[in-house]
């Protein structure tokens, strides 16, 4: 049975770091994971918190069926509702076709390019997702809320 979990964050972050090329996370990073039969299937890491948003990184076990609607909704509720952010950000290597398609399919908007910023000198694509654009939040949660301090 698949379950969405919030601990142990250190273990989830380490698992994600192993799967994301060039990943480095700050000490205050947080994570939400999807576990099945004691094994990690997917992890979302939230990092680089600011007053208006944070950066997210997604790692999976590379299977085709790891993602669940519950996991997606909870992964969006954390930054947009619990933290009250109006936006979240992601950075994807131009060589990572699967992650580029993932961002596009989930409604992210390409906002820029960091030329030759990747671990192998490749371009990194910057994506943003605004709370009001997030189709994964229940309708009553898409409006503006007051932000909470971290």
Protein backbone atom coordinates (compact mmCIF):
# COMPACT_ATOMS: atom_id res chain seq x y z
CA UNK A 1 0.00 0.00 0.00
CA UNK A 2 1.29 3.47 -0.92
CA UNK A 3 1.44 6.05 1.84
CA UNK A 4 2.35 9.73 1.93
CA UNK A 5 4.81 10.46 4.74
CA UNK A 6 6.51 13.51 6.25
CA UNK A 7 9.26 11.80 8.23
CA UNK A 8 12.10 10.90 8.32
CA UNK A 9 12.96 14.02 6.35
CA UNK A 10 16.74 13.43 6.44
CA UNK A 11 16.33 9.97 4.91
CA UNK A 12 14.00 11.26 2.18
CA UNK A 13 16.32 14.15 1.32
CA UNK A 14 19.33 11.81 1.11
CA UNK A 15 17.34 9.46 -1.16
CA UNK A 16 16.40 12.38 -3.43
CA UNK A 17 19.99 13.68 -3.49
CA UNK A 18 21.20 10.31 -4.80
CA UNK A 19 18.74 10.49 -7.72
CA UNK A 20 19.02 14.12 -8.77
CA UNK A 21 22.22 14.93 -10.62
CA UNK A 22 24.09 17.79 -8.95
CA UNK A 23 21.53 18.18 -6.15
CA UNK A 24 22.56 19.90 -2.97
CA UNK A 25 20.04 20.91 -0.35
CA UNK A 26 20.28 23.38 2.50
CA UNK A 27 20.08 22.30 6.14
CA UNK A 28 16.54 23.67 6.45
CA UNK A 29 15.15 21.64 3.50
CA UNK A 30 11.89 19.78 4.06
CA UNK A 31 10.45 16.76 2.24
CA UNK A 32 7.30 14.79 1.58
CA UNK A 33 7.64 11.21 0.42
CA UNK A 34 5.63 8.42 -1.12
CA UNK A 35 6.49 5.03 0.33
CA UNK A 36 5.27 1.58 -0.67
CA UNK A 37 6.15 -1.62 1.16
CA UNK A 38 8.97 0.17 3.00
CA UNK A 39 10.59 1.52 -0.18
CA UNK A 40 10.64 5.12 -1.39
CA UNK A 41 8.77 5.62 -4.66
CA UNK A 42 8.97 9.41 -4.84
CA UNK A 43 10.13 12.40 -2.81
CA UNK A 44 9.52 16.13 -3.15
CA UNK A 45 12.16 18.32 -1.50
CA UNK A 46 11.39 21.95 -0.61
CA UNK A 47 14.41 24.19 -0.33
CA UNK A 48 15.68 27.78 -0.47
CA UNK A 49 12.70 29.28 1.37
CA UNK A 50 12.03 33.00 0.84
CA UNK A 51 9.19 35.29 1.81
CA UNK A 52 7.33 34.57 -1.44
CA UNK A 53 8.16 30.96 -2.31
CA UNK A 54 10.58 28.09 -2.35
CA UNK A 55 12.32 25.79 -4.81
CA UNK A 56 11.16 22.23 -5.21
CA UNK A 57 12.94 19.16 -6.52
CA UNK A 58 11.22 15.89 -7.39
CA UNK A 59 12.89 12.47 -7.34
CA UNK A 60 11.34 9.11 -8.15
CA UNK A 61 12.25 5.46 -8.37
CA UNK A 62 11.87 5.83 -12.19
CA UNK A 63 8.85 3.54 -12.30
CA UNK A 64 5.87 4.66 -14.37
CA UNK A 65 3.27 4.29 -11.63
CA UNK A 66 4.84 5.97 -8.61
CA UNK A 67 2.74 9.13 -8.59
CA UNK A 68 -0.67 9.29 -6.91
CA UNK A 69 -3.25 12.08 -6.84
CA UNK A 70 -3.05 12.20 -3.03
CA UNK A 71 0.73 12.68 -3.20
CA UNK A 72 0.39 15.48 -5.76
CA UNK A 73 -2.29 17.30 -3.74
CA UNK A 74 -0.35 17.05 -0.48
CA UNK A 75 2.83 18.18 -2.24
CA UNK A 76 1.03 21.32 -3.42
CA UNK A 77 -0.83 21.99 -0.16
CA UNK A 78 2.43 22.25 1.80
CA UNK A 79 3.93 25.30 0.01
CA UNK A 80 0.71 26.97 -1.10
CA UNK A 81 -1.57 26.46 1.90
CA UNK A 82 0.52 25.53 4.92
CA UNK A 83 3.31 28.01 4.14
CA UNK A 84 1.01 30.44 2.32
CA UNK A 85 3.32 31.01 -0.64
CA UNK A 86 1.96 32.61 -3.81
CA UNK A 87 4.47 30.71 -5.98
CA UNK A 88 6.95 27.83 -6.15
CA UNK A 89 9.97 27.38 -8.42
CA UNK A 90 11.81 24.52 -10.08
CA UNK A 91 15.05 24.24 -12.03
CA UNK A 92 15.45 21.48 -14.65
CA UNK A 93 18.39 20.49 -16.86
CA UNK A 94 17.68 20.97 -20.57
CA UNK A 95 18.94 17.37 -20.96
CA UNK A 96 16.24 15.94 -18.68
CA UNK A 97 13.37 15.38 -21.13
CA UNK A 98 11.26 13.46 -18.60
CA UNK A 99 11.41 16.28 -16.02
CA UNK A 100 10.74 18.94 -18.66
CA UNK A 101 7.64 17.00 -19.76
CA UNK A 102 6.62 16.55 -16.11
CA UNK A 103 6.74 20.32 -15.48
CA UNK A 104 4.84 21.05 -18.67
CA UNK A 105 2.19 18.43 -17.92
CA UNK A 106 1.65 19.71 -14.40
CA UNK A 107 1.00 23.30 -15.50
CA UNK A 108 4.34 24.93 -14.71
CA UNK A 109 5.38 27.96 -16.78
CA UNK A 110 8.88 28.28 -18.21
CA UNK A 111 10.21 31.59 -16.91
CA UNK A 112 13.85 31.61 -17.89
CA UNK A 113 17.08 29.90 -18.77
CA UNK A 114 20.31 29.84 -16.81
CA UNK A 115 22.88 29.37 -19.54
CA UNK A 116 25.58 26.74 -18.91
CA UNK A 117 24.62 26.49 -15.22
CA UNK A 118 24.18 22.69 -15.04
CA UNK A 119 26.65 20.24 -13.56
CA UNK A 120 27.80 19.32 -17.09
CA UNK A 121 27.69 22.86 -18.47
CA UNK A 122 24.20 22.46 -19.90
CA UNK A 123 21.48 25.08 -19.65
CA UNK A 124 19.03 24.94 -16.75
CA UNK A 125 15.39 25.82 -17.38
CA UNK A 126 13.60 27.80 -14.66
CA UNK A 127 9.92 27.05 -14.07
CA UNK A 128 7.38 28.77 -11.86
CA UNK A 129 3.93 27.79 -10.65
CA UNK A 130 1.55 30.31 -9.10
CA UNK A 131 -0.94 29.26 -6.46
CA UNK A 132 -3.88 30.53 -8.53
CA UNK A 133 -2.67 28.44 -11.50
CA UNK A 134 -2.26 25.20 -9.53
CA UNK A 135 -4.95 22.80 -10.69
CA UNK A 136 -3.94 20.27 -8.03
CA UNK A 137 -5.38 22.29 -5.15
CA UNK A 138 -9.02 21.83 -4.24
CA UNK A 139 -10.91 24.93 -5.46
CA UNK A 140 -11.45 26.37 -2.00
CA UNK A 141 -7.68 26.44 -1.44
CA UNK A 142 -6.59 28.31 -4.56
CA UNK A 143 -7.26 31.82 -3.26
CA UNK A 144 -4.95 34.16 -1.40
CA UNK A 145 -4.19 33.38 2.24
CA UNK A 146 -1.99 35.13 4.76
CA UNK A 147 1.57 33.81 4.80
CA UNK A 148 3.10 32.22 7.86
CA UNK A 149 6.71 32.73 8.84
CA UNK A 150 9.04 29.77 8.59
